Protein backbone atom coordinates (compact mmCIF):
# COMPACT_ATOMS: atom_id res chain seq x y z
CA MET A 1 -25.03 11.84 -0.95
CA GLU A 2 -28.10 9.74 -1.79
CA GLY A 3 -26.05 6.54 -2.17
CA HIS A 4 -24.32 7.11 1.15
CA ALA A 5 -27.37 6.93 3.42
CA THR A 6 -25.94 4.03 5.45
CA VAL A 7 -22.45 5.51 5.83
CA ARG A 8 -21.40 5.61 9.49
CA ALA A 9 -17.79 6.73 9.16
CA ILE A 10 -15.49 8.52 6.72
CA ARG A 11 -11.91 7.35 6.26
CA ARG A 12 -9.56 9.76 4.51
CA MET A 13 -6.18 8.78 3.08
CA LYS A 14 -3.38 10.21 0.97
CA LEU A 15 -1.76 7.92 -1.60
CA LYS A 16 1.19 8.20 -3.98
CA LEU A 17 1.03 6.63 -7.46
CA VAL A 18 3.98 6.79 -9.84
CA VAL A 19 4.06 6.08 -13.58
CA VAL A 20 7.39 4.70 -14.81
CA GLY A 21 8.92 3.23 -17.94
CA ASP A 22 11.45 4.00 -20.68
CA ARG A 23 11.48 7.22 -22.69
CA ALA A 24 8.79 7.78 -25.35
CA VAL A 25 6.54 4.88 -24.27
CA GLY A 26 3.63 7.29 -23.74
CA LYS A 27 3.58 7.82 -19.97
CA THR A 28 2.64 11.50 -20.18
CA SER A 29 0.07 10.83 -22.91
CA LEU A 30 -1.56 8.17 -20.73
CA VAL A 31 -1.71 10.53 -17.75
CA ASN A 32 -3.14 13.33 -19.91
CA ARG A 33 -5.73 10.96 -21.36
CA TYR A 34 -6.82 9.76 -17.92
CA VAL A 35 -6.69 13.09 -16.07
CA PHE A 36 -7.77 15.52 -18.83
CA ASP A 37 -9.13 13.18 -21.56
CA THR A 38 -6.78 14.77 -24.11
CA PHE A 39 -4.13 13.47 -26.53
CA SER A 40 -1.38 15.06 -28.62
CA ASP A 41 0.75 13.44 -31.33
CA VAL A 42 3.62 15.83 -30.53
CA TYR A 43 6.23 14.21 -28.26
CA HIS A 44 7.63 16.19 -25.34
CA GLY A 45 10.01 14.38 -23.01
CA THR A 46 9.40 14.76 -19.28
CA LEU A 47 12.20 16.38 -17.31
CA GLY A 48 12.06 15.34 -13.66
CA SER A 49 8.44 14.71 -12.76
CA ARG A 50 4.92 16.06 -13.23
CA LEU A 51 2.30 15.92 -10.50
CA SER A 52 -1.47 15.56 -10.83
CA ILE A 53 -3.89 15.25 -7.89
CA LEU A 54 -6.77 12.81 -8.20
CA ALA A 55 -9.79 12.31 -5.95
CA PHE A 56 -11.21 8.87 -5.22
CA SER A 57 -14.42 8.13 -3.31
CA ARG A 58 -15.89 4.73 -2.50
CA VAL A 59 -18.21 3.14 0.06
CA VAL A 60 -16.72 -0.05 1.53
CA GLU A 61 -18.61 -2.74 3.42
CA GLY A 62 -21.79 -0.68 3.14
CA GLU A 63 -21.04 1.70 5.98
CA GLU A 64 -17.61 3.32 5.58
CA LEU A 65 -16.87 6.03 3.01
CA VAL A 66 -13.27 6.12 1.80
CA GLU A 67 -12.07 9.44 0.40
CA ALA A 68 -8.58 9.22 -1.07
CA GLU A 69 -6.39 11.99 -2.43
CA VAL A 70 -4.02 10.41 -4.94
CA ALA A 71 -0.80 12.19 -5.90
CA LEU A 72 -0.04 10.95 -9.44
CA PHE A 73 3.61 11.37 -10.47
CA ASP A 74 4.63 11.11 -14.13
CA LEU A 75 8.38 10.41 -13.93
CA MET A 76 11.13 10.82 -16.51
CA GLY A 77 12.26 7.69 -18.33
CA GLU A 78 16.03 8.04 -17.98
CA ARG A 79 17.36 4.88 -16.35
CA SER A 80 20.47 6.64 -15.05
CA ALA A 81 18.30 9.18 -13.20
CA ARG A 82 16.06 6.36 -11.97
CA ASP A 83 18.99 4.53 -10.40
CA THR A 84 20.62 7.67 -8.99
CA PHE A 85 17.51 9.26 -7.47
CA LYS A 86 15.37 6.20 -6.78
CA ASP A 87 15.13 6.87 -3.03
CA VAL A 88 13.67 10.34 -3.65
CA MET A 89 11.47 9.27 -6.55
CA PHE A 90 9.92 6.16 -5.04
CA TRP A 91 9.90 6.71 -1.27
CA GLY A 92 6.34 6.54 0.07
CA THR A 93 4.94 5.06 -3.14
CA ASN A 94 1.68 3.16 -2.59
CA GLY A 95 1.38 1.81 -6.13
CA PHE A 96 2.88 2.18 -9.60
CA LEU A 97 2.23 1.67 -13.29
CA VAL A 98 5.01 0.39 -15.57
CA VAL A 99 4.51 1.47 -19.18
CA ALA A 100 6.02 -0.16 -22.28
CA ASP A 101 5.57 0.49 -26.01
CA VAL A 102 4.14 -2.57 -27.84
CA THR A 103 6.07 -1.58 -30.98
CA ARG A 104 9.48 -1.55 -29.21
CA ARG A 105 10.53 -4.87 -27.72
CA GLU A 106 13.37 -3.31 -25.70
CA THR A 107 10.85 -1.30 -23.65
CA ILE A 108 9.01 -4.53 -22.78
CA GLU A 109 12.30 -6.17 -21.80
CA SER A 110 13.02 -3.26 -19.41
CA ILE A 111 9.81 -3.80 -17.40
CA PRO A 112 11.35 -6.17 -14.79
CA GLY A 113 14.14 -3.65 -14.14
CA TRP A 114 11.65 -0.88 -13.45
CA ILE A 115 9.64 -3.11 -11.12
CA GLU A 116 12.74 -4.22 -9.23
CA THR A 117 13.96 -0.63 -8.79
CA VAL A 118 10.65 0.73 -7.49
CA GLN A 119 10.17 -2.23 -5.15
CA SER A 120 13.69 -1.85 -3.76
CA VAL A 121 12.47 1.42 -2.21
CA ALA A 122 8.68 1.11 -1.91
CA GLY A 123 8.42 -2.59 -1.09
CA GLU A 124 5.76 -4.99 -2.36
CA VAL A 125 3.14 -2.42 -3.33
CA PRO A 126 0.42 -2.96 -5.98
CA HIS A 127 1.57 -2.45 -9.56
CA HIS A 128 0.13 -2.98 -13.04
CA ILE A 129 1.83 -3.18 -16.44
CA LEU A 130 0.55 -1.04 -19.31
CA LEU A 131 1.43 -2.21 -22.83
CA ASN A 132 0.78 1.05 -24.58
CA LYS A 133 0.24 2.17 -28.20
CA ALA A 134 -2.14 -0.73 -28.83
CA ASP A 135 -3.53 1.25 -31.80
CA LEU A 136 -0.25 0.65 -33.67
CA ALA A 137 0.98 -2.56 -35.28
CA GLY A 138 -2.43 -4.12 -34.89
CA GLY A 139 -2.33 -3.49 -31.17
CA ALA A 140 -0.89 -6.93 -30.50
CA VAL A 141 2.06 -8.08 -28.46
CA SER A 142 3.76 -11.12 -29.98
CA PRO A 143 3.15 -14.49 -28.29
CA GLN A 144 6.89 -14.67 -27.59
CA ASP A 145 6.85 -11.31 -25.80
CA THR A 146 3.79 -12.31 -23.77
CA GLU A 147 5.32 -15.64 -22.79
CA TRP A 148 8.60 -13.98 -21.80
CA LEU A 149 6.86 -11.27 -19.80
CA LEU A 150 4.65 -13.69 -17.86
CA ALA A 151 7.68 -15.84 -17.05
CA GLN A 152 9.59 -12.83 -15.73
CA ILE A 153 6.78 -11.37 -13.62
CA PRO A 154 4.15 -14.06 -12.99
CA GLY A 155 0.85 -12.82 -11.65
CA ALA A 156 1.36 -9.11 -12.38
CA PRO A 157 -1.82 -7.61 -13.91
CA TYR A 158 -1.27 -6.10 -17.34
CA HIS A 159 -3.42 -4.06 -19.74
CA LEU A 160 -3.26 -3.22 -23.44
CA THR A 161 -3.74 0.54 -23.65
CA SER A 162 -3.81 3.35 -26.18
CA ALA A 163 -3.49 6.96 -25.08
CA LYS A 164 -4.59 7.96 -28.58
CA THR A 165 -7.89 6.04 -28.64
CA ALA A 166 -8.33 5.84 -24.81
CA GLU A 167 -8.52 2.04 -25.04
CA GLY A 168 -8.02 0.45 -21.62
CA VAL A 169 -6.71 3.65 -19.98
CA GLU A 170 -9.46 4.36 -17.45
CA ARG A 171 -9.69 0.70 -16.45
CA ALA A 172 -5.92 0.43 -15.95
CA PHE A 173 -5.62 3.50 -13.73
CA GLU A 174 -8.75 2.88 -11.70
CA SER A 175 -8.07 -0.81 -11.08
CA LEU A 176 -4.66 0.10 -9.66
CA VAL A 177 -6.12 2.85 -7.44
CA HIS A 178 -8.69 0.33 -6.14
CA SER A 179 -5.84 -2.08 -5.28
CA MET A 180 -3.94 0.71 -3.50
CA VAL A 181 -6.99 1.68 -1.44
CA GLU A 182 -7.69 -1.95 -0.52
CA ARG A 183 -4.08 -2.48 0.59
CA SER A 184 -4.13 0.70 2.68
CA LEU A 185 -7.40 -0.42 4.34
CA ALA A 186 -5.97 -3.87 5.04
CA LYS A 187 -2.87 -2.38 6.66
CA SER A 188 -5.02 -0.03 8.74
CA ARG A 189 -7.22 -2.91 9.92
CA HIS A 190 -4.11 -4.95 10.83
CA ARG A 191 -2.67 -2.03 12.83
CA LYS A 192 -5.98 -1.60 14.66
CA LYS A 193 -6.10 -5.32 15.42
CA THR A 194 -2.55 -5.38 16.82
CA LEU A 195 -3.22 -2.26 18.91
CA ILE A 196 -6.21 -3.99 20.47
CA VAL A 197 -4.10 -7.10 21.12
CA GLY A 198 -1.36 -4.96 22.70
CA SER A 199 -3.88 -3.38 25.08
CA ARG A 200 -5.26 -6.78 26.03
CA ILE A 201 -1.77 -8.14 26.70
CA LEU A 202 -1.16 -5.22 29.07
CA GLU A 203 -4.48 -5.84 30.81
CA PHE A 204 -3.67 -9.56 31.11
CA ALA A 205 -0.27 -8.75 32.65
CA ALA A 206 -1.87 -6.24 35.03
CA ARG A 207 -4.24 -8.89 36.38
CA ARG A 208 -1.35 -11.28 36.99
CA GLY A 209 0.77 -8.71 38.80
CA ARG A 210 4.27 -9.85 39.79
CA ILE A 211 3.55 -13.42 38.68
CA GLY A 212 3.53 -12.25 35.09
CA VAL A 213 2.18 -13.97 31.97
CA THR A 214 3.98 -16.85 30.28
CA LYS A 215 4.48 -17.28 26.55
CA LYS A 216 2.25 -20.38 26.64
CA GLU A 217 -0.57 -18.40 28.25
CA ILE A 218 -0.27 -15.60 25.68
CA LEU A 219 -0.41 -18.04 22.76
CA ALA A 220 -3.45 -19.76 24.28
CA SER A 221 -5.25 -16.46 24.88
CA PHE A 222 -4.67 -14.95 21.42
CA LYS A 223 -5.22 -17.85 19.03
CA GLN A 224 -6.74 -15.51 16.41
CA LEU A 225 -3.31 -13.94 15.76
CA ASP A 226 -0.41 -15.77 14.13
CA VAL A 227 2.61 -16.43 16.35
CA ALA A 228 4.96 -14.08 14.45
CA SER A 229 2.58 -11.11 14.77
CA LEU A 230 1.96 -11.86 18.43
CA MET A 231 5.68 -12.06 19.26
CA GLN A 232 6.23 -8.83 17.33
CA GLU A 233 3.59 -7.13 19.50
CA VAL A 234 5.25 -8.41 22.69
CA GLU A 235 8.58 -7.08 21.41
CA SER A 236 6.97 -3.69 20.68
CA LEU A 237 5.57 -3.48 24.21
CA LYS A 238 9.03 -4.31 25.55
CA LYS A 239 10.69 -1.59 23.43
CA LEU A 240 8.10 0.93 24.62
CA GLY A 241 8.94 0.04 28.22
CA MET A 242 5.42 -1.21 28.95
CA VAL A 243 6.57 -4.70 29.98
CA THR A 244 9.72 -6.58 30.88
CA VAL A 245 10.43 -9.94 29.24
CA GLU A 246 12.17 -12.55 31.39
CA ASP A 247 13.54 -15.77 29.89
CA THR A 248 12.28 -18.85 31.74
CA GLY A 249 13.62 -21.55 29.43
CA PRO A 250 15.19 -22.25 26.01
CA ALA A 251 12.08 -21.11 24.13
CA SER A 252 9.91 -19.64 26.84
CA PHE A 253 9.53 -16.39 28.74
CA ARG A 254 7.17 -14.45 30.93
CA ILE A 255 6.20 -10.80 30.71
CA VAL A 256 5.64 -8.53 33.70
CA LEU A 257 3.91 -5.16 33.59
CA THR A 258 6.12 -2.14 34.29
CA GLU A 259 5.14 1.09 36.01
CA LYS A 260 4.88 2.75 32.63
CA GLY A 261 2.58 -0.03 31.40
CA ALA A 262 0.37 0.36 34.47
CA GLY A 263 0.17 4.09 33.78
CA GLU A 264 -0.90 3.39 30.19
CA ILE A 265 -3.74 1.14 31.40
CA GLU A 266 -4.88 3.77 33.89
CA LYS A 267 -4.78 6.45 31.18
CA LYS A 268 -6.86 4.26 28.85
CA GLY A 269 -9.38 3.55 31.63
CA THR A 270 -9.73 7.26 32.40
CA ALA A 271 -10.32 8.09 28.74
CA GLU A 272 -12.99 5.39 28.46
CA ARG A 273 -14.75 6.61 31.62
CA ASP A 274 -14.73 10.19 30.30
CA THR A 275 -16.24 9.00 27.03
CA ASP A 276 -18.95 7.04 28.84
CA GLU A 277 -19.82 10.07 30.97
CA THR A 278 -20.05 12.50 28.06
CA PRO A 279 -23.70 13.60 27.68
CA GLU A 280 -25.48 12.89 24.41
């Protein structure tokens, strides 16, 4: 752990990465090349899915060590199965690779369909495109195919890869995993930020008692948060029964702390006092 001397915290996460694309584009060969550094010219179609577990470790911002366990799913290329079982196959996906065969134009044309299907379940998660078998046909995708692809999915990162020669494989997989980790960290930081804001809203309402806190006062006190996120946090506190929200005008309201909200503040204060009193 020589390079981790300044690490102050360890963050562990579990991530799901799926590899999709039409039949015989080389999905399994790419996974085997990345995971085991092996290649076979013999084609074996994948029935259902195959699972590999990867480990990822990285120090972020000089003081936090991220350790990620990545479940890598190599999925069958049957479109009928994809459409029928998409909820099971793609639920909980944190990122995905779409693979096409550079020698078969129809597999390139199917890329947008794969992206749309995965995103319909997983949402806007990181994804990269792998144009595989770059060792064949000169390893080039025609200018027409490139132009068409970029027009269909602007901004999506893509890589020329070869499972046979290992060209571009490690970079493609690892760049996607990095994007997945960064997105997970960003979501975690956002959740932490909104939790802090929620606690401060409760404390603000507690100080005001029965007078409550107006929408204008909340917006003025939490300028660092966008209005949509702030209103979402107020709505969450309302649903949890921590506050009541009373309309005071066409686009205004005030929030008043409930008994449950007061109990939550007291519980938080007790926990903080216990922590402060814990001996070193």
